[in-house]
Amino acid sequence: MGDEDNLELTEFQSAEGQPPDAGQEAPRPGTAKDLDAVYDIPVQVSAVLGRTSMQVSQLLKLGRGAVVELDRKVGEAVDIYVNNRLVARGEVVVVEDRLGVTMTEIIKADRA
């Protein structure tokens, strides 16, 4: 992964986005130790190969061996969601006898 994927914690700013006044105690640089509290929080990760829509009557007719056509083409990136939020895109890979996903693009969400 590129340098943009390496996260660094930087000094915190005041609520107004300005550095603290000279009379205030300077904030200490953040460390990975500060994140220990969130490391054990479980998250749900999903990789979506594609989507389709159909009527319930069509769904009920599906049986073993039925093929459901998705809205993606072969080789197109899959969407990777964390807690139902799109965070990345990637490619399907085989790891030993299991499927996996390699992240190829991180999606940066705008925080408003």
PDB file of N, CA and C in Angstrom:
ATOM      1  N   MET A   1       0.840  -1.181   0.000  1.00  0.00           N
ATOM      2  CA  MET A   1       0.000   0.000   0.000  1.00  0.00           C
ATOM      3  C   MET A   1       0.877   1.233   0.000  1.00  0.00           C
ATOM      4  N   GLY A   2       0.342   2.347  -0.508  1.00  0.00           N
ATOM      5  CA  GLY A   2       1.122   3.562  -0.620  1.00  0.00           C
ATOM      6  C   GLY A   2       1.216   4.304   0.693  1.00  0.00           C
ATOM      7  N   ASP A   3       2.007   5.406   0.664  1.00  0.00           N
ATOM      8  CA  ASP A   3       2.216   6.204   1.865  1.00  0.00           C
ATOM      9  C   ASP A   3       0.921   6.788   2.391  1.00  0.00           C
ATOM     10  N   GLU A   4      -0.058   7.064   1.500  1.00  0.00           N
ATOM     11  CA  GLU A   4      -1.305   7.645   1.962  1.00  0.00           C
ATOM     12  C   GLU A   4      -2.090   6.692   2.846  1.00  0.00           C
ATOM     13  N   ASP A   5      -1.745   5.417   2.830  1.00  0.00           N
ATOM     14  CA  ASP A   5      -2.433   4.433   3.646  1.00  0.00           C
ATOM     15  C   ASP A   5      -1.829   4.315   5.034  1.00  0.00           C
ATOM     16  N   ASN A   6      -0.648   4.886   5.248  1.00  0.00           N
ATOM     17  CA  ASN A   6      -0.005   4.845   6.558  1.00  0.00           C
ATOM     18  C   ASN A   6      -0.554   5.992   7.383  1.00  0.00           C
ATOM     19  N   LEU A   7      -1.252   5.654   8.456  1.00  0.00           N
ATOM     20  CA  LEU A   7      -1.881   6.674   9.272  1.00  0.00           C
ATOM     21  C   LEU A   7      -0.949   7.115  10.382  1.00  0.00           C
ATOM     22  N   GLU A   8      -0.878   8.417  10.606  1.00  0.00           N
ATOM     23  CA  GLU A   8      -0.099   8.961  11.701  1.00  0.00           C
ATOM     24  C   GLU A   8      -1.017   9.809  12.558  1.00  0.00           C
ATOM     25  N   LEU A   9      -0.830   9.743  13.850  1.00  0.00           N
ATOM     26  CA  LEU A   9      -1.575  10.598  14.747  1.00  0.00           C
ATOM     27  C   LEU A   9      -0.791  11.894  14.915  1.00  0.00           C
ATOM     28  N   THR A  10      -1.486  13.012  14.823  1.00  0.00           N
ATOM     29  CA  THR A  10      -0.820  14.306  14.942  1.00  0.00           C
ATOM     30  C   THR A  10      -1.350  15.027  16.164  1.00  0.00           C
ATOM     31  N   GLU A  11      -0.756  16.173  16.448  1.00  0.00           N
ATOM     32  CA  GLU A  11      -1.207  16.946  17.598  1.00  0.00           C
ATOM     33  C   GLU A  11      -2.635  17.399  17.387  1.00  0.00           C
ATOM     34  N   PHE A  12      -3.381  17.460  18.493  1.00  0.00           N
ATOM     35  CA  PHE A  12      -4.770  17.861  18.439  1.00  0.00           C
ATOM     36  C   PHE A  12      -4.865  19.380  18.449  1.00  0.00           C
ATOM     37  N   GLN A  13      -5.903  19.927  17.799  1.00  0.00           N
ATOM     38  CA  GLN A  13      -6.142  21.357  17.805  1.00  0.00           C
ATOM     39  C   GLN A  13      -7.337  21.650  18.680  1.00  0.00           C
ATOM     40  N   SER A  14      -7.508  22.913  19.004  1.00  0.00           N
ATOM     41  CA  SER A  14      -8.664  23.309  19.808  1.00  0.00           C
ATOM     42  C   SER A  14      -9.931  23.132  18.990  1.00  0.00           C
ATOM     43  N   ALA A  15     -11.081  23.288  19.622  1.00  0.00           N
ATOM     44  CA  ALA A  15     -12.365  23.091  18.951  1.00  0.00           C
ATOM     45  C   ALA A  15     -12.527  24.043  17.772  1.00  0.00           C
ATOM     46  N   GLU A  16     -11.920  25.228  17.826  1.00  0.00           N
ATOM     47  CA  GLU A  16     -12.027  26.192  16.734  1.00  0.00           C
ATOM     48  C   GLU A  16     -11.067  25.871  15.603  1.00  0.00           C
ATOM     49  N   GLY A  17     -10.248  24.845  15.748  1.00  0.00           N
ATOM     50  CA  GLY A  17      -9.287  24.483  14.712  1.00  0.00           C
ATOM     51  C   GLY A  17      -7.999  25.282  14.794  1.00  0.00           C
ATOM     52  N   GLN A  18      -7.848  26.083  15.851  1.00  0.00           N
ATOM     53  CA  GLN A  18      -6.654  26.901  16.021  1.00  0.00           C
ATOM     54  C   GLN A  18      -5.730  26.266  17.053  1.00  0.00           C
ATOM     55  N   PRO A  19      -4.437  26.531  16.975  1.00  0.00           N
ATOM     56  CA  PRO A  19      -3.528  26.033  18.011  1.00  0.00           C
ATOM     57  C   PRO A  19      -3.908  26.629  19.356  1.00  0.00           C
ATOM     58  N   PRO A  20      -3.582  25.937  20.461  1.00  0.00           N
ATOM     59  CA  PRO A  20      -3.940  26.456  21.788  1.00  0.00           C
ATOM     60  C   PRO A  20      -3.216  27.757  22.089  1.00  0.00           C
ATOM     61  N   ASP A  21      -3.855  28.596  22.943  1.00  0.00           N
ATOM     62  CA  ASP A  21      -3.234  29.850  23.352  1.00  0.00           C
ATOM     63  C   ASP A  21      -1.998  29.564  24.185  1.00  0.00           C
ATOM     64  N   ALA A  22      -1.140  30.581  24.298  1.00  0.00           N
ATOM     65  CA  ALA A  22       0.097  30.419  25.054  1.00  0.00           C
ATOM     66  C   ALA A  22      -0.188  30.085  26.510  1.00  0.00           C
ATOM     67  N   GLY A  23      -1.334  30.542  27.057  1.00  0.00           N
ATOM     68  CA  GLY A  23      -1.666  30.278  28.445  1.00  0.00           C
ATOM     69  C   GLY A  23      -2.177  28.867  28.680  1.00  0.00           C
ATOM     70  N   GLN A  24      -2.559  28.175  27.621  1.00  0.00           N
ATOM     71  CA  GLN A  24      -3.078  26.817  27.758  1.00  0.00           C
ATOM     72  C   GLN A  24      -1.937  25.820  27.672  1.00  0.00           C
ATOM     73  N   GLU A  25      -2.175  24.661  28.290  1.00  0.00           N
ATOM     74  CA  GLU A  25      -1.189  23.588  28.192  1.00  0.00           C
ATOM     75  C   GLU A  25      -1.204  23.052  26.765  1.00  0.00           C
ATOM     76  N   ALA A  26      -0.038  22.883  26.190  1.00  0.00           N
ATOM     77  CA  ALA A  26       0.056  22.375  24.823  1.00  0.00           C
ATOM     78  C   ALA A  26      -0.408  20.927  24.783  1.00  0.00           C
ATOM     79  N   PRO A  27      -1.188  20.559  23.762  1.00  0.00           N
ATOM     80  CA  PRO A  27      -1.635  19.165  23.680  1.00  0.00           C
ATOM     81  C   PRO A  27      -0.454  18.251  23.393  1.00  0.00           C
ATOM     82  N   ARG A  28      -0.545  17.054  23.938  1.00  0.00           N
ATOM     83  CA  ARG A  28       0.531  16.099  23.692  1.00  0.00           C
ATOM     84  C   ARG A  28       0.247  15.382  22.381  1.00  0.00           C
ATOM     85  N   PRO A  29       1.268  14.937  21.696  1.00  0.00           N
ATOM     86  CA  PRO A  29       1.030  14.181  20.460  1.00  0.00           C
ATOM     87  C   PRO A  29       0.269  12.890  20.770  1.00  0.00           C
ATOM     88  N   GLY A  30      -0.660  12.513  19.897  1.00  0.00           N
ATOM     89  CA  GLY A  30      -1.396  11.267  20.079  1.00  0.00           C
ATOM     90  C   GLY A  30      -0.492  10.075  19.808  1.00  0.00           C
ATOM     91  N   THR A  31      -0.784   8.971  20.465  1.00  0.00           N
ATOM     92  CA  THR A  31      -0.010   7.757  20.266  1.00  0.00           C
ATOM     93  C   THR A  31      -0.946   6.595  19.979  1.00  0.00           C
ATOM     94  N   ALA A  32      -0.405   5.516  19.484  1.00  0.00           N
ATOM     95  CA  ALA A  32      -1.204   4.317  19.228  1.00  0.00           C
ATOM     96  C   ALA A  32      -1.802   3.792  20.533  1.00  0.00           C
ATOM     97  N   LYS A  33      -1.143   4.018  21.660  1.00  0.00           N
ATOM     98  CA  LYS A  33      -1.643   3.580  22.957  1.00  0.00           C
ATOM     99  C   LYS A  33      -2.995   4.212  23.255  1.00  0.00           C
ATOM    100  N   ASP A  34      -3.220   5.459  22.761  1.00  0.00           N
ATOM    101  CA  ASP A  34      -4.489   6.138  22.973  1.00  0.00           C
ATOM    102  C   ASP A  34      -5.641   5.399  22.293  1.00  0.00           C
ATOM    103  N   LEU A  35      -5.366   4.559  21.311  1.00  0.00           N
ATOM    104  CA  LEU A  35      -6.396   3.840  20.569  1.00  0.00           C
ATOM    105  C   LEU A  35      -6.704   2.470  21.155  1.00  0.00           C
ATOM    106  N   ASP A  36      -6.013   2.068  22.215  1.00  0.00           N
ATOM    107  CA  ASP A  36      -6.226   0.742  22.805  1.00  0.00           C
ATOM    108  C   ASP A  36      -7.690   0.478  23.140  1.00  0.00           C
ATOM    109  N   ALA A  37      -8.419   1.505  23.533  1.00  0.00           N
ATOM    110  CA  ALA A  37      -9.810   1.331  23.937  1.00  0.00           C
ATOM    111  C   ALA A  37     -10.702   0.890  22.781  1.00  0.00           C
ATOM    112  N   VAL A  38     -10.331   1.183  21.547  1.00  0.00           N
ATOM    113  CA  VAL A  38     -11.191   0.838  20.412  1.00  0.00           C
ATOM    114  C   VAL A  38     -10.780  -0.453  19.715  1.00  0.00           C
ATOM    115  N   TYR A  39      -9.640  -1.006  20.044  1.00  0.00           N
ATOM    116  CA  TYR A  39      -9.151  -2.199  19.336  1.00  0.00           C
ATOM    117  C   TYR A  39     -10.062  -3.410  19.499  1.00  0.00           C
ATOM    118  N   ASP A  40     -10.781  -3.530  20.595  1.00  0.00           N
ATOM    119  CA  ASP A  40     -11.616  -4.700  20.842  1.00  0.00           C
ATOM    120  C   ASP A  40     -13.071  -4.507  20.439  1.00  0.00           C
ATOM    121  N   ILE A  41     -13.394  -3.393  19.793  1.00  0.00           N
ATOM    122  CA  ILE A  41     -14.770  -3.159  19.356  1.00  0.00           C
ATOM    123  C   ILE A  41     -15.017  -3.967  18.088  1.00  0.00           C
ATOM    124  N   PRO A  42     -16.032  -4.847  18.097  1.00  0.00           N
ATOM    125  CA  PRO A  42     -16.300  -5.648  16.899  1.00  0.00           C
ATOM    126  C   PRO A  42     -16.952  -4.807  15.808  1.00  0.00           C
ATOM    127  N   VAL A  43     -16.586  -5.083  14.556  1.00  0.00           N
ATOM    128  CA  VAL A  43     -17.194  -4.449  13.399  1.00  0.00           C
ATOM    129  C   VAL A  43     -17.582  -5.533  12.401  1.00  0.00           C
ATOM    130  N   GLN A  44     -18.586  -5.247  11.588  1.00  0.00           N
ATOM    131  CA  GLN A  44     -19.016  -6.191  10.563  1.00  0.00           C
ATOM    132  C   GLN A  44     -18.419  -5.749   9.235  1.00  0.00           C
ATOM    133  N   VAL A  45     -17.689  -6.651   8.578  1.00  0.00           N
ATOM    134  CA  VAL A  45     -17.069  -6.358   7.291  1.00  0.00           C
ATOM    135  C   VAL A  45     -17.767  -7.196   6.234  1.00  0.00           C
ATOM    136  N   SER A  46     -18.206  -6.541   5.150  1.00  0.00           N
ATOM    137  CA  SER A  46     -18.898  -7.227   4.060  1.00  0.00           C
ATOM    138  C   SER A  46     -18.241  -6.861   2.739  1.00  0.00           C
ATOM    139  N   ALA A  47     -18.153  -7.821   1.838  1.00  0.00           N
ATOM    140  CA  ALA A  47     -17.675  -7.577   0.477  1.00  0.00           C
ATOM    141  C   ALA A  47     -18.838  -7.878  -0.460  1.00  0.00           C
ATOM    142  N   VAL A  48     -19.267  -6.874  -1.201  1.00  0.00           N
ATOM    143  CA  VAL A  48     -20.430  -7.010  -2.072  1.00  0.00           C
ATOM    144  C   VAL A  48     -19.957  -7.212  -3.506  1.00  0.00           C
ATOM    145  N   LEU A  49     -20.263  -8.386  -4.053  1.00  0.00           N
ATOM    146  CA  LEU A  49     -19.885  -8.718  -5.428  1.00  0.00           C
ATOM    147  C   LEU A  49     -20.735  -7.965  -6.434  1.00  0.00           C
ATOM    148  N   GLY A  50     -21.983  -7.727  -6.109  1.00  0.00           N
ATOM    149  CA  GLY A  50     -22.901  -7.043  -7.008  1.00  0.00           C
ATOM    150  C   GLY A  50     -24.302  -7.097  -6.450  1.00  0.00           C
ATOM    151  N   ARG A  51     -25.224  -6.476  -7.163  1.00  0.00           N
ATOM    152  CA  ARG A  51     -26.608  -6.418  -6.716  1.00  0.00           C
ATOM    153  C   ARG A  51     -27.528  -6.712  -7.888  1.00  0.00           C
ATOM    154  N   THR A  52     -28.741  -7.063  -7.552  1.00  0.00           N
ATOM    155  CA  THR A  52     -29.800  -7.218  -8.541  1.00  0.00           C
ATOM    156  C   THR A  52     -31.120  -7.011  -7.837  1.00  0.00           C
ATOM    157  N   SER A  53     -32.171  -6.810  -8.590  1.00  0.00           N
ATOM    158  CA  SER A  53     -33.499  -6.745  -7.991  1.00  0.00           C
ATOM    159  C   SER A  53     -34.405  -7.677  -8.787  1.00  0.00           C
ATOM    160  N   MET A  54     -35.356  -8.258  -8.075  1.00  0.00           N
ATOM    161  CA  MET A  54     -36.300  -9.164  -8.716  1.00  0.00           C
ATOM    162  C   MET A  54     -37.573  -9.194  -7.904  1.00  0.00           C
ATOM    163  N   GLN A  55     -38.615  -9.668  -8.522  1.00  0.00           N
ATOM    164  CA  GLN A  55     -39.888  -9.799  -7.843  1.00  0.00           C
ATOM    165  C   GLN A  55     -39.860 -11.035  -6.958  1.00  0.00           C
ATOM    166  N   VAL A  56     -40.709 -11.024  -5.935  1.00  0.00           N
ATOM    167  CA  VAL A  56     -40.778 -12.157  -5.022  1.00  0.00           C
ATOM    168  C   VAL A  56     -41.108 -13.441  -5.794  1.00  0.00           C
ATOM    169  N   SER A  57     -41.973 -13.340  -6.791  1.00  0.00           N
ATOM    170  CA  SER A  57     -42.333 -14.539  -7.567  1.00  0.00           C
ATOM    171  C   SER A  57     -41.117 -15.134  -8.268  1.00  0.00           C
ATOM    172  N   GLN A  58     -40.222 -14.256  -8.771  1.00  0.00           N
ATOM    173  CA  GLN A  58     -38.990 -14.749  -9.400  1.00  0.00           C
ATOM    174  C   GLN A  58     -38.072 -15.389  -8.362  1.00  0.00           C
ATOM    175  N   LEU A  59     -37.977 -14.772  -7.197  1.00  0.00           N
ATOM    176  CA  LEU A  59     -37.141 -15.297  -6.126  1.00  0.00           C
ATOM    177  C   LEU A  59     -37.601 -16.687  -5.701  1.00  0.00           C
ATOM    178  N   LEU A  60     -38.912 -16.882  -5.610  1.00  0.00           N
ATOM    179  CA  LEU A  60     -39.452 -18.173  -5.186  1.00  0.00           C
ATOM    180  C   LEU A  60     -39.228 -19.272  -6.214  1.00  0.00           C
ATOM    181  N   LYS A  61     -39.006 -18.899  -7.475  1.00  0.00           N
ATOM    182  CA  LYS A  61     -38.758 -19.888  -8.530  1.00  0.00           C
ATOM    183  C   LYS A  61     -37.310 -20.351  -8.556  1.00  0.00           C
ATOM    184  N   LEU A  62     -36.431 -19.661  -7.834  1.00  0.00           N
ATOM    185  CA  LEU A  62     -35.012 -20.038  -7.834  1.00  0.00           C
ATOM    186  C   LEU A  62     -34.839 -21.380  -7.134  1.00  0.00           C
ATOM    187  N   GLY A  63     -33.964 -22.174  -7.660  1.00  0.00           N
ATOM    188  CA  GLY A  63     -33.660 -23.458  -7.051  1.00  0.00           C
ATOM    189  C   GLY A  63     -32.174 -23.735  -7.168  1.00  0.00           C
ATOM    190  N   ARG A  64     -31.774 -24.902  -6.755  1.00  0.00           N
ATOM    191  CA  ARG A  64     -30.372 -25.309  -6.818  1.00  0.00           C
ATOM    192  C   ARG A  64     -29.864 -25.159  -8.251  1.00  0.00           C
ATOM    193  N   GLY A  65     -28.740 -24.521  -8.410  1.00  0.00           N
ATOM    194  CA  GLY A  65     -28.140 -24.346  -9.729  1.00  0.00           C
ATOM    195  C   GLY A  65     -28.614 -23.113 -10.475  1.00  0.00           C
ATOM    196  N   ALA A  66     -29.561 -22.381  -9.894  1.00  0.00           N
ATOM    197  CA  ALA A  66     -30.045 -21.164 -10.548  1.00  0.00           C
ATOM    198  C   ALA A  66     -28.938 -20.119 -10.566  1.00  0.00           C
ATOM    199  N   VAL A  67     -28.904 -19.331 -11.609  1.00  0.00           N
ATOM    200  CA  VAL A  67     -27.908 -18.269 -11.742  1.00  0.00           C
ATOM    201  C   VAL A  67     -28.618 -16.930 -11.593  1.00  0.00           C
ATOM    202  N   VAL A  68     -28.110 -16.097 -10.695  1.00  0.00           N
ATOM    203  CA  VAL A  68     -28.652 -14.758 -10.494  1.00  0.00           C
ATOM    204  C   VAL A  68     -27.643 -13.781 -11.088  1.00  0.00           C
ATOM    205  N   GLU A  69     -28.079 -13.045 -12.106  1.00  0.00           N
ATOM    206  CA  GLU A  69     -27.188 -12.096 -12.773  1.00  0.00           C
ATOM    207  C   GLU A  69     -27.051 -10.836 -11.929  1.00  0.00           C
ATOM    208  N   LEU A  70     -25.815 -10.412 -11.702  1.00  0.00           N
ATOM    209  CA  LEU A  70     -25.534  -9.232 -10.894  1.00  0.00           C
ATOM    210  C   LEU A  70     -25.218  -8.048 -11.796  1.00  0.00           C
ATOM    211  N   ASP A  71     -25.150  -6.873 -11.207  1.00  0.00           N
ATOM    212  CA  ASP A  71     -24.919  -5.641 -11.965  1.00  0.00           C
ATOM    213  C   ASP A  71     -23.432  -5.329 -12.191  1.00  0.00           C
ATOM    214  N   ARG A  72     -22.548  -6.277 -11.936  1.00  0.00           N
ATOM    215  CA  ARG A  72     -21.105  -6.064 -12.120  1.00  0.00           C
ATOM    216  C   ARG A  72     -20.576  -6.933 -13.239  1.00  0.00           C
ATOM    217  N   LYS A  73     -19.500  -6.483 -13.841  1.00  0.00           N
ATOM    218  CA  LYS A  73     -18.843  -7.262 -14.881  1.00  0.00           C
ATOM    219  C   LYS A  73     -17.688  -8.045 -14.267  1.00  0.00           C
ATOM    220  N   VAL A  74     -17.237  -9.074 -14.954  1.00  0.00           N
ATOM    221  CA  VAL A  74     -16.103  -9.870 -14.499  1.00  0.00           C
ATOM    222  C   VAL A  74     -14.888  -8.955 -14.382  1.00  0.00           C
ATOM    223  N   GLY A  75     -14.187  -9.039 -13.267  1.00  0.00           N
ATOM    224  CA  GLY A  75     -12.984  -8.241 -13.053  1.00  0.00           C
ATOM    225  C   GLY A  75     -13.250  -6.877 -12.450  1.00  0.00           C
ATOM    226  N   GLU A  76     -14.505  -6.473 -12.364  1.00  0.00           N
ATOM    227  CA  GLU A  76     -14.835  -5.184 -11.767  1.00  0.00           C
ATOM    228  C   GLU A  76     -14.650  -5.265 -10.248  1.00  0.00           C
ATOM    229  N   ALA A  77     -14.259  -4.158  -9.643  1.00  0.00           N
ATOM    230  CA  ALA A  77     -13.982  -4.125  -8.204  1.00  0.00           C
ATOM    231  C   ALA A  77     -15.237  -4.437  -7.389  1.00  0.00           C
ATOM    232  N   VAL A  78     -15.038  -5.089  -6.248  1.00  0.00           N
ATOM    233  CA  VAL A  78     -16.122  -5.336  -5.302  1.00  0.00           C
ATOM    234  C   VAL A  78     -16.106  -4.234  -4.249  1.00  0.00           C
ATOM    235  N   ASP A  79     -17.261  -3.929  -3.683  1.00  0.00           N
ATOM    236  CA  ASP A  79     -17.361  -2.912  -2.638  1.00  0.00           C
ATOM    237  C   ASP A  79     -17.127  -3.559  -1.284  1.00  0.00           C
ATOM    238  N   ILE A  80     -16.353  -2.894  -0.438  1.00  0.00           N
ATOM    239  CA  ILE A  80     -16.063  -3.384   0.903  1.00  0.00           C
ATOM    240  C   ILE A  80     -16.706  -2.417   1.900  1.00  0.00           C
ATOM    241  N   TYR A  81     -17.588  -2.970   2.716  1.00  0.00           N
ATOM    242  CA  TYR A  81     -18.320  -2.179   3.702  1.00  0.00           C
ATOM    243  C   TYR A  81     -17.868  -2.564   5.102  1.00  0.00           C
ATOM    244  N   VAL A  82     -17.779  -1.572   5.979  1.00  0.00           N
ATOM    245  CA  VAL A  82     -17.568  -1.802   7.406  1.00  0.00           C
ATOM    246  C   VAL A  82     -18.749  -1.166   8.115  1.00  0.00           C
ATOM    247  N   ASN A  83     -19.499  -1.997   8.854  1.00  0.00           N
ATOM    248  CA  ASN A  83     -20.724  -1.535   9.521  1.00  0.00           C
ATOM    249  C   ASN A  83     -21.634  -0.791   8.548  1.00  0.00           C
ATOM    250  N   ASN A  84     -21.852  -1.386   7.379  1.00  0.00           N
ATOM    251  CA  ASN A  84     -22.743  -0.856   6.345  1.00  0.00           C
ATOM    252  C   ASN A  84     -22.303   0.477   5.761  1.00  0.00           C
ATOM    253  N   ARG A  85     -21.041   0.836   5.912  1.00  0.00           N
ATOM    254  CA  ARG A  85     -20.502   2.061   5.315  1.00  0.00           C
ATOM    255  C   ARG A  85     -19.415   1.670   4.324  1.00  0.00           C
ATOM    256  N   LEU A  86     -19.536   2.170   3.085  1.00  0.00           N
ATOM    257  CA  LEU A  86     -18.541   1.871   2.057  1.00  0.00           C
ATOM    258  C   LEU A  86     -17.210   2.487   2.454  1.00  0.00           C
ATOM    259  N   VAL A  87     -16.174   1.654   2.592  1.00  0.00           N
ATOM    260  CA  VAL A  87     -14.867   2.158   3.000  1.00  0.00           C
ATOM    261  C   VAL A  87     -13.776   1.868   1.976  1.00  0.00           C
ATOM    262  N   ALA A  88     -14.005   0.887   1.084  1.00  0.00           N
ATOM    263  CA  ALA A  88     -12.951   0.523   0.142  1.00  0.00           C
ATOM    264  C   ALA A  88     -13.528  -0.262  -1.025  1.00  0.00           C
ATOM    265  N   ARG A  89     -12.688  -0.452  -2.032  1.00  0.00           N
ATOM    266  CA  ARG A  89     -13.002  -1.349  -3.146  1.00  0.00           C
ATOM    267  C   ARG A  89     -11.832  -2.308  -3.274  1.00  0.00           C
ATOM    268  N   GLY A  90     -12.105  -3.480  -3.844  1.00  0.00           N
ATOM    269  CA  GLY A  90     -11.036  -4.455  -3.938  1.00  0.00           C
ATOM    270  C   GLY A  90     -11.310  -5.530  -4.960  1.00  0.00           C
ATOM    271  N   GLU A  91     -10.432  -6.520  -4.953  1.00  0.00           N
ATOM    272  CA  GLU A  91     -10.515  -7.647  -5.870  1.00  0.00           C
ATOM    273  C   GLU A  91     -10.652  -8.939  -5.085  1.00  0.00           C
ATOM    274  N   VAL A  92     -11.430  -9.869  -5.631  1.00  0.00           N
ATOM    275  CA  VAL A  92     -11.599 -11.179  -4.998  1.00  0.00           C
ATOM    276  C   VAL A  92     -10.333 -11.991  -5.240  1.00  0.00           C
ATOM    277  N   VAL A  93      -9.834 -12.641  -4.180  1.00  0.00           N
ATOM    278  CA  VAL A  93      -8.650 -13.491  -4.266  1.00  0.00           C
ATOM    279  C   VAL A  93      -8.949 -14.825  -3.584  1.00  0.00           C
ATOM    280  N   VAL A  94      -8.142 -15.822  -3.888  1.00  0.00           N
ATOM    281  CA  VAL A  94      -8.257 -17.122  -3.228  1.00  0.00           C
ATOM    282  C   VAL A  94      -7.065 -17.270  -2.296  1.00  0.00           C
ATOM    283  N   VAL A  95      -7.344 -17.570  -1.029  1.00  0.00           N
ATOM    284  CA  VAL A  95      -6.314 -17.779  -0.015  1.00  0.00           C
ATOM    285  C   VAL A  95      -6.490 -19.208   0.487  1.00  0.00           C
ATOM    286  N   GLU A  96      -5.564 -20.088   0.095  1.00  0.00           N
ATOM    287  CA  GLU A  96      -5.676 -21.515   0.359  1.00  0.00           C
ATOM    288  C   GLU A  96      -7.004 -22.006  -0.197  1.00  0.00           C
ATOM    289  N   ASP A  97      -7.953 -22.419   0.641  1.00  0.00           N
ATOM    290  CA  ASP A  97      -9.228 -22.916   0.117  1.00  0.00           C
ATOM    291  C   ASP A  97     -10.385 -21.964   0.441  1.00  0.00           C
ATOM    292  N   ARG A  98     -10.073 -20.693   0.681  1.00  0.00           N
ATOM    293  CA  ARG A  98     -11.100 -19.709   1.034  1.00  0.00           C
ATOM    294  C   ARG A  98     -11.025 -18.502   0.105  1.00  0.00           C
ATOM    295  N   LEU A  99     -12.141 -17.796   0.011  1.00  0.00           N
ATOM    296  CA  LEU A  99     -12.168 -16.544  -0.740  1.00  0.00           C
ATOM    297  C   LEU A  99     -11.772 -15.396   0.171  1.00  0.00           C
ATOM    298  N   GLY A 100     -11.148 -14.400  -0.403  1.00  0.00           N
ATOM    299  CA  GLY A 100     -10.780 -13.203   0.331  1.00  0.00           C
ATOM    300  C   GLY A 100     -10.901 -12.002  -0.584  1.00  0.00           C
ATOM    301  N   VAL A 101     -10.614 -10.829  -0.048  1.00  0.00           N
ATOM    302  CA  VAL A 101     -10.668  -9.600  -0.822  1.00  0.00           C
ATOM    303  C   VAL A 101      -9.401  -8.811  -0.551  1.00  0.00           C
ATOM    304  N   THR A 102      -8.745  -8.377  -1.615  1.00  0.00           N
ATOM    305  CA  THR A 102      -7.589  -7.498  -1.509  1.00  0.00           C
ATOM    306  C   THR A 102      -8.058  -6.073  -1.757  1.00  0.00           C
ATOM    307  N   MET A 103      -7.777  -5.168  -0.818  1.00  0.00           N
ATOM    308  CA  MET A 103      -8.185  -3.772  -1.000  1.00  0.00           C
ATOM    309  C   MET A 103      -7.299  -3.103  -2.043  1.00  0.00           C
ATOM    310  N   THR A 104      -7.924  -2.463  -3.012  1.00  0.00           N
ATOM    311  CA  THR A 104      -7.184  -1.766  -4.049  1.00  0.00           C
ATOM    312  C   THR A 104      -7.403  -0.256  -3.999  1.00  0.00           C
ATOM    313  N   GLU A 105      -8.462   0.169  -3.300  1.00  0.00           N
ATOM    314  CA  GLU A 105      -8.789   1.592  -3.228  1.00  0.00           C
ATOM    315  C   GLU A 105      -9.496   1.874  -1.912  1.00  0.00           C
ATOM    316  N   ILE A 106      -9.012   2.863  -1.185  1.00  0.00           N
ATOM    317  CA  ILE A 106      -9.651   3.300   0.049  1.00  0.00           C
ATOM    318  C   ILE A 106     -10.589   4.453  -0.306  1.00  0.00           C
ATOM    319  N   ILE A 107     -11.821   4.382   0.169  1.00  0.00           N
ATOM    320  CA  ILE A 107     -12.804   5.439  -0.099  1.00  0.00           C
ATOM    321  C   ILE A 107     -12.756   6.418   1.058  1.00  0.00           C
ATOM    322  N   LYS A 108     -12.445   7.664   0.759  1.00  0.00           N
ATOM    323  CA  LYS A 108     -12.381   8.695   1.798  1.00  0.00           C
ATOM    324  C   LYS A 108     -13.716   9.413   1.831  1.00  0.00           C
ATOM    325  N   ALA A 109     -14.433   9.263   2.940  1.00  0.00           N
ATOM    326  CA  ALA A 109     -15.740   9.903   3.102  1.00  0.00           C
ATOM    327  C   ALA A 109     -15.553  11.306   3.607  1.00  0.00           C
ATOM    328  N   ASP A 110     -16.352  12.235   3.088  1.00  0.00           N
ATOM    329  CA  ASP A 110     -16.334  13.603   3.582  1.00  0.00           C
ATOM    330  C   ASP A 110     -17.132  13.662   4.871  1.00  0.00           C
ATOM    331  N   ARG A 111     -16.528  14.169   5.925  1.00  0.00           N
ATOM    332  CA  ARG A 111     -17.212  14.326   7.214  1.00  0.00           C
ATOM    333  C   ARG A 111     -17.788  15.733   7.276  1.00  0.00           C
ATOM    334  N   ALA A 112     -19.082  15.831   7.432  1.00  0.00           N
ATOM    335  CA  ALA A 112     -19.704  17.173   7.483  1.00  0.00           C
ATOM    336  C   ALA A 112     -20.048  17.541   8.906  1.00  0.00           C
TER     337      ALA A 112
END
